[in-house]
Protein backbone atom coordinates (compact mmCIF):
# COMPACT_ATOMS: atom_id res chain seq x y z
CA MET A 1 -16.54 -12.63 -8.43
CA ASN A 2 -17.35 -10.89 -5.16
CA ARG A 3 -19.26 -12.57 -2.36
CA SER A 4 -22.71 -11.29 -3.41
CA GLU A 5 -22.15 -12.42 -7.00
CA GLN A 6 -21.13 -15.88 -5.83
CA GLU A 7 -24.14 -16.23 -3.57
CA VAL A 8 -26.38 -15.41 -6.53
CA THR A 9 -24.47 -17.82 -8.79
CA GLN A 10 -24.74 -20.59 -6.19
CA PHE A 11 -28.52 -20.67 -6.49
CA LEU A 12 -28.77 -20.42 -10.27
CA GLY A 13 -31.09 -23.09 -11.58
CA PHE A 14 -31.50 -24.69 -14.99
CA PHE A 15 -33.11 -21.67 -16.66
CA GLY A 16 -30.87 -19.26 -14.76
CA ILE A 17 -27.75 -20.88 -16.24
CA TYR A 18 -29.27 -20.66 -19.72
CA LYS A 19 -30.14 -16.99 -19.19
CA GLU A 20 -26.67 -16.11 -17.92
CA SER A 21 -25.06 -18.00 -20.81
CA TYR A 22 -27.12 -16.02 -23.30
CA LYS A 23 -26.11 -12.76 -21.60
CA VAL A 24 -22.41 -13.72 -21.78
CA ILE A 25 -22.68 -14.51 -25.50
CA PHE A 26 -24.61 -11.31 -26.21
CA GLU A 27 -22.17 -9.09 -24.29
CA ARG A 28 -19.16 -10.50 -26.14
CA ARG A 29 -20.92 -11.39 -29.38
CA LYS A 30 -18.13 -10.04 -31.60
CA ILE A 31 -15.47 -12.29 -30.09
CA PHE A 32 -17.80 -15.28 -29.90
CA SER A 33 -18.79 -14.71 -33.55
CA LYS A 34 -15.13 -14.87 -34.57
CA ILE A 35 -14.55 -17.97 -32.42
CA THR A 36 -17.56 -19.58 -34.08
CA LEU A 37 -16.32 -18.75 -37.58
CA SER A 38 -12.76 -19.93 -36.96
CA LEU A 39 -13.24 -22.98 -34.70
CA ILE A 40 -16.86 -24.04 -34.18
CA LEU A 41 -17.96 -23.92 -37.83
CA PRO A 42 -15.21 -26.43 -38.77
CA VAL A 43 -16.45 -28.74 -35.99
CA SER A 44 -19.99 -28.58 -37.36
CA PHE A 45 -18.83 -29.02 -40.94
CA ILE A 46 -16.66 -32.04 -40.13
CA TYR A 47 -19.47 -33.61 -38.08
CA LEU A 48 -22.10 -33.24 -40.81
CA VAL A 49 -19.76 -34.24 -43.63
CA ASN A 50 -18.91 -37.42 -41.71
CA MET A 51 -22.60 -38.34 -41.62
CA GLU A 52 -22.97 -37.89 -45.38
CA VAL A 53 -19.70 -39.61 -46.34
CA SER A 54 -20.26 -42.51 -43.92
CA ASN A 55 -23.68 -43.05 -45.46
CA LEU A 56 -22.14 -43.21 -48.94
CA PHE A 57 -19.55 -45.71 -47.73
CA PHE A 58 -22.20 -47.94 -46.16
CA ARG A 59 -24.34 -47.84 -49.29
CA LYS A 60 -21.43 -49.05 -51.41
CA ILE A 61 -20.39 -51.66 -48.84
CA ILE A 62 -23.91 -53.07 -48.49
CA HIS A 63 -24.35 -53.14 -52.29
CA ASN A 64 -21.05 -54.99 -52.78
CA GLU A 65 -21.85 -57.43 -49.95
CA ILE A 66 -25.14 -58.29 -51.66
CA GLU A 67 -23.32 -58.75 -54.97
CA LEU A 68 -20.70 -60.91 -53.22
CA ASP A 69 -23.41 -63.15 -51.71
CA HIS A 70 -24.78 -63.84 -55.21
CA ALA A 71 -21.37 -64.41 -56.80
CA ARG A 72 -19.90 -67.90 -57.10
CA SER A 73 -16.94 -68.54 -54.82
CA GLY A 74 -13.61 -68.90 -56.60
CA THR A 75 -14.62 -67.00 -59.74
CA PRO A 76 -12.77 -63.86 -60.91
CA ASN A 77 -15.88 -61.78 -60.22
CA TYR A 78 -16.00 -63.08 -56.62
CA GLU A 79 -12.32 -62.26 -56.06
CA LYS A 80 -12.81 -58.80 -57.56
CA LEU A 81 -15.80 -58.05 -55.33
CA SER A 82 -14.00 -59.44 -52.27
CA ASN A 83 -10.96 -57.21 -52.86
CA LEU A 84 -13.17 -54.22 -53.56
CA LEU A 85 -15.12 -54.78 -50.36
CA SER A 86 -11.92 -55.14 -48.34
CA ASN A 87 -10.57 -51.87 -49.81
CA GLU A 88 -13.81 -50.05 -49.07
CA TRP A 89 -13.67 -51.12 -45.41
CA ASP A 90 -10.04 -49.96 -45.24
CA TYR A 91 -10.96 -46.56 -46.71
CA PHE A 92 -13.91 -46.28 -44.33
CA TRP A 93 -11.79 -46.86 -41.22
CA LEU A 94 -9.09 -44.50 -42.50
CA PHE A 95 -11.74 -41.86 -43.03
CA GLN A 96 -13.12 -42.46 -39.52
CA ALA A 97 -9.63 -42.14 -38.03
CA ALA A 98 -9.14 -38.81 -39.84
CA TYR A 99 -12.61 -37.71 -38.71
CA PHE A 100 -12.04 -38.47 -35.02
CA THR A 101 -8.62 -36.80 -35.12
CA LEU A 102 -9.96 -33.59 -36.67
CA ILE A 103 -13.10 -33.47 -34.53
CA ALA A 104 -11.03 -33.96 -31.36
CA ILE A 105 -8.56 -31.20 -32.31
CA PHE A 106 -11.19 -28.60 -33.24
CA SER A 107 -13.47 -29.54 -30.33
CA LEU A 108 -10.66 -29.03 -27.81
CA LEU A 109 -9.63 -25.78 -29.48
CA SER A 110 -13.25 -24.56 -29.35
CA THR A 111 -13.57 -25.55 -25.70
CA ALA A 112 -10.35 -23.72 -24.83
CA ALA A 113 -11.40 -20.54 -26.64
CA VAL A 114 -14.96 -20.42 -25.28
CA SER A 115 -14.06 -21.30 -21.68
CA TYR A 116 -11.26 -18.72 -21.63
CA THR A 117 -13.47 -16.01 -23.15
CA THR A 118 -16.35 -16.75 -20.78
CA ALA A 119 -14.07 -16.68 -17.73
CA CYS A 120 -12.51 -13.37 -18.81
CA LYS A 121 -15.96 -11.82 -18.62
CA TYR A 122 -15.91 -12.32 -14.84
CA THR A 123 -12.48 -10.71 -14.45
CA SER A 124 -13.44 -7.53 -16.34
CA ARG A 125 -10.39 -8.08 -18.51
CA GLU A 126 -9.99 -6.39 -21.86
CA LEU A 127 -10.11 -9.13 -24.42
CA THR A 128 -9.56 -9.32 -28.15
CA PHE A 129 -9.90 -12.19 -30.57
CA LYS A 130 -6.15 -12.04 -31.20
CA LYS A 131 -5.49 -12.57 -27.49
CA VAL A 132 -7.88 -15.50 -27.37
CA MET A 133 -6.21 -17.19 -30.33
CA SER A 134 -2.75 -16.68 -28.79
CA VAL A 135 -3.93 -18.41 -25.61
CA VAL A 136 -5.77 -21.30 -27.27
CA PRO A 137 -2.69 -23.39 -28.26
CA LYS A 138 -1.36 -23.29 -24.67
CA VAL A 139 -4.73 -24.19 -23.16
CA TRP A 140 -5.18 -26.89 -25.81
CA LYS A 141 -2.12 -28.75 -24.53
CA ARG A 142 -3.67 -28.97 -21.06
CA LEU A 143 -6.99 -30.07 -22.48
CA MET A 144 -5.29 -32.76 -24.55
CA VAL A 145 -3.70 -34.26 -21.42
CA THR A 146 -7.12 -34.37 -19.73
CA PHE A 147 -8.72 -35.81 -22.86
CA LEU A 148 -6.13 -38.59 -23.13
CA CYS A 149 -6.66 -39.52 -19.47
CA PHE A 150 -10.40 -39.55 -20.03
CA PHE A 151 -9.89 -41.64 -23.18
CA VAL A 152 -8.00 -44.27 -21.16
CA ILE A 153 -10.80 -44.42 -18.59
CA MET A 154 -13.49 -44.66 -21.28
CA PHE A 155 -11.57 -47.35 -23.15
CA PHE A 156 -11.46 -49.62 -20.11
CA TYR A 157 -15.07 -48.81 -19.24
CA LEU A 158 -16.39 -49.50 -22.74
CA VAL A 159 -14.32 -52.66 -23.23
CA LEU A 160 -14.10 -54.27 -19.81
CA ALA A 161 -17.51 -53.41 -18.34
CA PRO A 162 -19.52 -55.25 -21.06
CA VAL A 163 -17.20 -58.27 -20.74
CA PHE A 164 -17.83 -58.47 -16.99
CA LEU A 165 -21.56 -58.02 -17.54
CA ILE A 166 -21.69 -60.85 -20.08
CA ILE A 167 -19.60 -63.20 -17.93
CA TRP A 168 -21.70 -62.46 -14.87
CA ALA A 169 -24.97 -62.88 -16.78
CA ILE A 170 -23.84 -66.26 -18.13
CA SER A 171 -22.60 -67.48 -14.74
CA ILE A 172 -25.74 -66.75 -12.71
CA GLN A 173 -28.25 -69.56 -12.23
CA ALA A 174 -31.68 -68.07 -12.89
CA SER A 175 -34.72 -68.45 -15.10
CA ASP A 176 -34.75 -66.92 -18.56
CA ILE A 177 -37.08 -64.12 -17.48
CA MET A 178 -34.99 -63.32 -14.41
CA CYS A 179 -31.79 -63.41 -16.48
CA VAL A 180 -33.24 -60.98 -19.03
CA ALA A 181 -34.42 -58.67 -16.23
CA VAL A 182 -30.97 -58.70 -14.61
CA VAL A 183 -29.28 -57.97 -17.95
CA VAL A 184 -31.66 -55.07 -18.61
CA VAL A 185 -30.96 -53.57 -15.18
CA LEU A 186 -27.21 -53.96 -15.67
CA MET A 187 -27.40 -52.32 -19.10
CA ILE A 188 -29.29 -49.38 -17.61
CA LEU A 189 -26.62 -49.03 -14.90
CA TYR A 190 -23.94 -49.27 -17.60
CA LEU A 191 -25.53 -46.43 -19.59
CA VAL A 192 -25.93 -44.35 -16.44
CA GLY A 193 -22.23 -44.83 -15.72
CA LEU A 194 -21.41 -43.78 -19.27
CA LEU A 195 -23.49 -40.64 -18.84
CA TYR A 196 -21.80 -39.87 -15.51
CA LEU A 197 -18.30 -40.20 -16.99
CA THR A 198 -19.22 -37.97 -19.93
CA ILE A 199 -20.53 -35.27 -17.60
CA ILE A 200 -17.32 -35.46 -15.54
CA TRP A 201 -15.27 -35.03 -18.72
CA SER A 202 -17.31 -31.98 -19.78
CA LEU A 203 -16.64 -30.18 -16.50
CA ALA A 204 -13.03 -31.42 -16.34
CA SER A 205 -12.31 -29.66 -19.63
CA VAL A 206 -13.30 -26.33 -18.03
CA VAL A 207 -11.25 -27.15 -14.92
CA SER A 208 -8.22 -27.73 -17.16
CA VAL A 209 -8.58 -24.22 -18.56
CA LEU A 210 -9.43 -22.26 -15.43
CA GLU A 211 -7.38 -24.09 -12.81
CA GLU A 212 -3.94 -25.57 -12.39
CA ALA A 213 -5.29 -29.13 -12.51
CA ASN A 214 -5.27 -31.20 -15.66
CA GLY A 215 -5.28 -34.88 -16.58
CA PHE A 216 -6.56 -37.26 -13.89
CA GLN A 217 -6.34 -34.47 -11.33
CA ALA A 218 -8.84 -32.40 -13.35
CA LEU A 219 -11.17 -35.39 -13.64
CA VAL A 220 -11.09 -35.92 -9.87
CA LYS A 221 -11.68 -32.20 -9.31
CA SER A 222 -14.63 -32.33 -11.70
CA LYS A 223 -16.11 -35.32 -9.88
CA ASN A 224 -15.93 -33.44 -6.59
CA LEU A 225 -17.46 -30.28 -8.04
CA ILE A 226 -20.45 -32.15 -9.45
CA LYS A 227 -21.42 -33.47 -6.01
CA GLY A 228 -24.72 -31.88 -5.01
CA LYS A 229 -25.35 -30.69 -8.57
CA LEU A 230 -25.46 -34.04 -10.34
CA TRP A 231 -29.15 -33.93 -11.21
CA MET A 232 -28.81 -30.44 -12.66
CA ALA A 233 -25.78 -31.61 -14.65
CA ILE A 234 -27.80 -34.54 -16.02
CA VAL A 235 -30.73 -32.32 -17.01
CA ILE A 236 -28.45 -29.79 -18.70
CA PHE A 237 -26.48 -32.50 -20.49
CA LEU A 238 -29.59 -34.31 -21.73
CA ALA A 239 -31.28 -31.07 -22.82
CA LEU A 240 -28.25 -29.97 -24.84
CA ASN A 241 -27.83 -33.40 -26.41
CA LEU A 242 -31.54 -33.53 -27.22
CA ILE A 243 -31.13 -30.36 -29.27
CA LEU A 244 -28.05 -31.76 -31.01
CA GLY A 245 -29.91 -35.05 -31.61
CA ILE A 246 -32.86 -33.26 -33.23
CA ILE A 247 -30.51 -31.39 -35.56
CA GLN A 248 -28.71 -34.64 -36.43
CA ILE A 249 -31.98 -36.47 -37.15
CA ALA A 250 -33.21 -33.56 -39.28
CA PHE A 251 -29.97 -33.60 -41.28
CA GLN A 252 -30.17 -37.35 -41.82
CA MET A 253 -33.84 -37.25 -42.87
CA LEU A 254 -33.64 -34.17 -45.10
CA ILE A 255 -30.15 -34.47 -46.60
CA VAL A 256 -28.54 -37.87 -46.03
CA HIS A 257 -31.49 -40.21 -46.66
CA GLU A 258 -33.93 -37.96 -48.54
CA SER A 259 -33.75 -38.43 -52.33
CA THR A 260 -36.97 -36.69 -53.46
CA LEU A 261 -35.84 -33.19 -52.54
CA GLY A 262 -34.17 -31.13 -55.23
CA MET A 263 -30.52 -30.19 -54.93
CA ALA A 264 -31.37 -26.54 -54.14
CA ASN A 265 -33.68 -27.54 -51.27
CA ARG A 266 -31.13 -29.98 -49.88
CA VAL A 267 -28.45 -27.26 -49.90
CA VAL A 268 -30.78 -24.85 -48.07
CA TYR A 269 -31.68 -27.45 -45.42
CA ALA A 270 -28.02 -28.40 -45.05
CA ILE A 271 -27.04 -24.76 -44.43
CA ILE A 272 -29.82 -24.37 -41.85
CA CYS A 273 -28.72 -27.52 -39.99
CA PHE A 274 -25.11 -26.38 -40.22
CA LEU A 275 -25.85 -22.98 -38.66
CA LEU A 276 -28.16 -24.40 -35.98
CA LEU A 277 -25.54 -26.97 -35.02
CA SER A 278 -22.82 -24.31 -34.77
CA MET A 279 -24.96 -22.07 -32.55
CA SER A 280 -25.92 -25.04 -30.37
CA ILE A 281 -22.28 -26.03 -29.87
CA LEU A 282 -21.32 -22.46 -28.89
CA PHE A 283 -24.23 -22.26 -26.45
CA ALA A 284 -23.35 -25.67 -24.97
CA LEU A 285 -19.72 -24.66 -24.38
CA VAL A 286 -20.71 -21.42 -22.64
CA ILE A 287 -23.26 -23.29 -20.48
CA GLN A 288 -20.52 -25.78 -19.63
CA THR A 289 -18.36 -22.96 -18.28
CA MET A 290 -21.27 -21.31 -16.47
CA PHE A 291 -22.09 -24.60 -14.78
CA TYR A 292 -18.49 -24.72 -13.54
CA PHE A 293 -18.94 -21.37 -11.78
CA VAL A 294 -22.24 -22.56 -10.30
CA CYS A 295 -20.54 -25.68 -8.89
CA LYS A 296 -17.68 -23.62 -7.48
CA SER A 297 -20.11 -21.29 -5.75
CA TYR A 298 -22.22 -24.18 -4.48
CA HIS A 299 -19.16 -25.63 -2.72
CA HIS A 300 -18.29 -22.16 -1.32
CA GLU A 301 -15.03 -22.01 -3.27
CA ASN A 302 -14.29 -18.32 -3.55
CA ILE A 303 -13.52 -17.27 -7.12
CA GLU A 304 -11.56 -14.06 -6.68
CA LYS A 305 -11.30 -11.87 -9.74
CA SER A 306 -7.63 -11.09 -9.10
CA ALA A 307 -6.62 -14.76 -8.73
CA LEU A 308 -8.60 -15.83 -11.78
CA SER A 309 -7.26 -12.87 -13.75
CA ASP A 310 -3.65 -13.74 -12.85
CA HIS A 311 -4.26 -17.36 -13.80
CA LEU A 312 -5.65 -16.37 -17.20
CA GLU A 313 -2.90 -13.78 -17.72
CA ALA A 314 -0.26 -16.50 -17.24
CA TYR A 315 -1.31 -18.01 -20.57
CA LEU A 316 -0.27 -14.79 -22.32
CA ARG A 317 3.24 -14.78 -20.89
CA GLU A 318 5.96 -16.81 -22.48
CA ASP A 319 7.69 -19.50 -20.40
CA VAL A 320 5.78 -18.57 -17.23
CA PRO A 321 4.24 -21.62 -15.52
CA LEU A 322 0.74 -21.40 -14.15
CA ILE A 323 0.97 -20.66 -10.45
CA ALA A 324 -0.69 -23.18 -8.20
CA LYS A 325 -1.98 -20.58 -5.78
CA ASP A 326 -3.93 -18.96 -8.60
CA ALA A 327 -5.85 -22.16 -9.03
CA GLN A 328 -6.21 -23.08 -5.38
CA LEU A 329 -9.07 -20.71 -4.81
CA GLY A 330 -10.12 -20.14 -1.25
CA GLN A 331 -13.43 -20.71 0.44
CA TYR A 332 -15.96 -18.41 1.90
CA HIS A 333 -18.74 -19.19 4.34
CA VAL A 334 -22.27 -17.99 3.93
């Protein structure tokens, strides 16, 4: 980007980012269509199938638990139901493990492909789908390192934070009403922290693709980039997740839990939800990359086309490490 482009990017608002993201997708619609077919559609399919299969598992588990409650302890029927219930829980957790593994792999691959393609638009580089797919495995390795670091942080946050909250709530000497109020406030702060970490991860994934940083370094870089743009990040994140939530609720109501619809209607609604979810994921990933450029411009970090182009070109060369100076983009002053 030249200086004038960056100054314009710096002041892009919520709707401006959406507009620019749409323009990027439209200008490179052929490549993005192929990325969607090869990487994003599997993400959507796996996500929706998990909802349907998990519902079937829970129906069987709940039915068998009810049967077990009415069975006499020690009888052959009780032992049979107990073993069946135990096996069903084992199968459920195995299925969930396979689901999270596949969704993580395809999500990271999709992020790598979309971020790389979006960034190439600003370097005026000739790009083909074959080039993108040759780059994706190399970028995916960097994204995986960042994801694992983020996973460690989230694990401690999700496990240790509630423990501290519970211990603190029990230890304080206050009335029941005051205790409830304190717990509610702490839960709100806990959810806000969860939202903040998720936003940092979203931007860190783009940093891992477009800069030398990855892992904890990318997460720190993301945290610094978000400064001054946190409220915009929250609005964008909530808006995108609202769309995804509406699609998820529609799928659950019309396909997963709806039994009065005919099979043909359920298939039609499932296909519609599937396509809407795929388009929403593509749009969200492009917006994620656009927001990165907005944050860079806001902090006056000069994104030179030549440096960015060299950084992206390094992925195409065998056994050539990414050069730090390509990622350490300079600054300009308005």
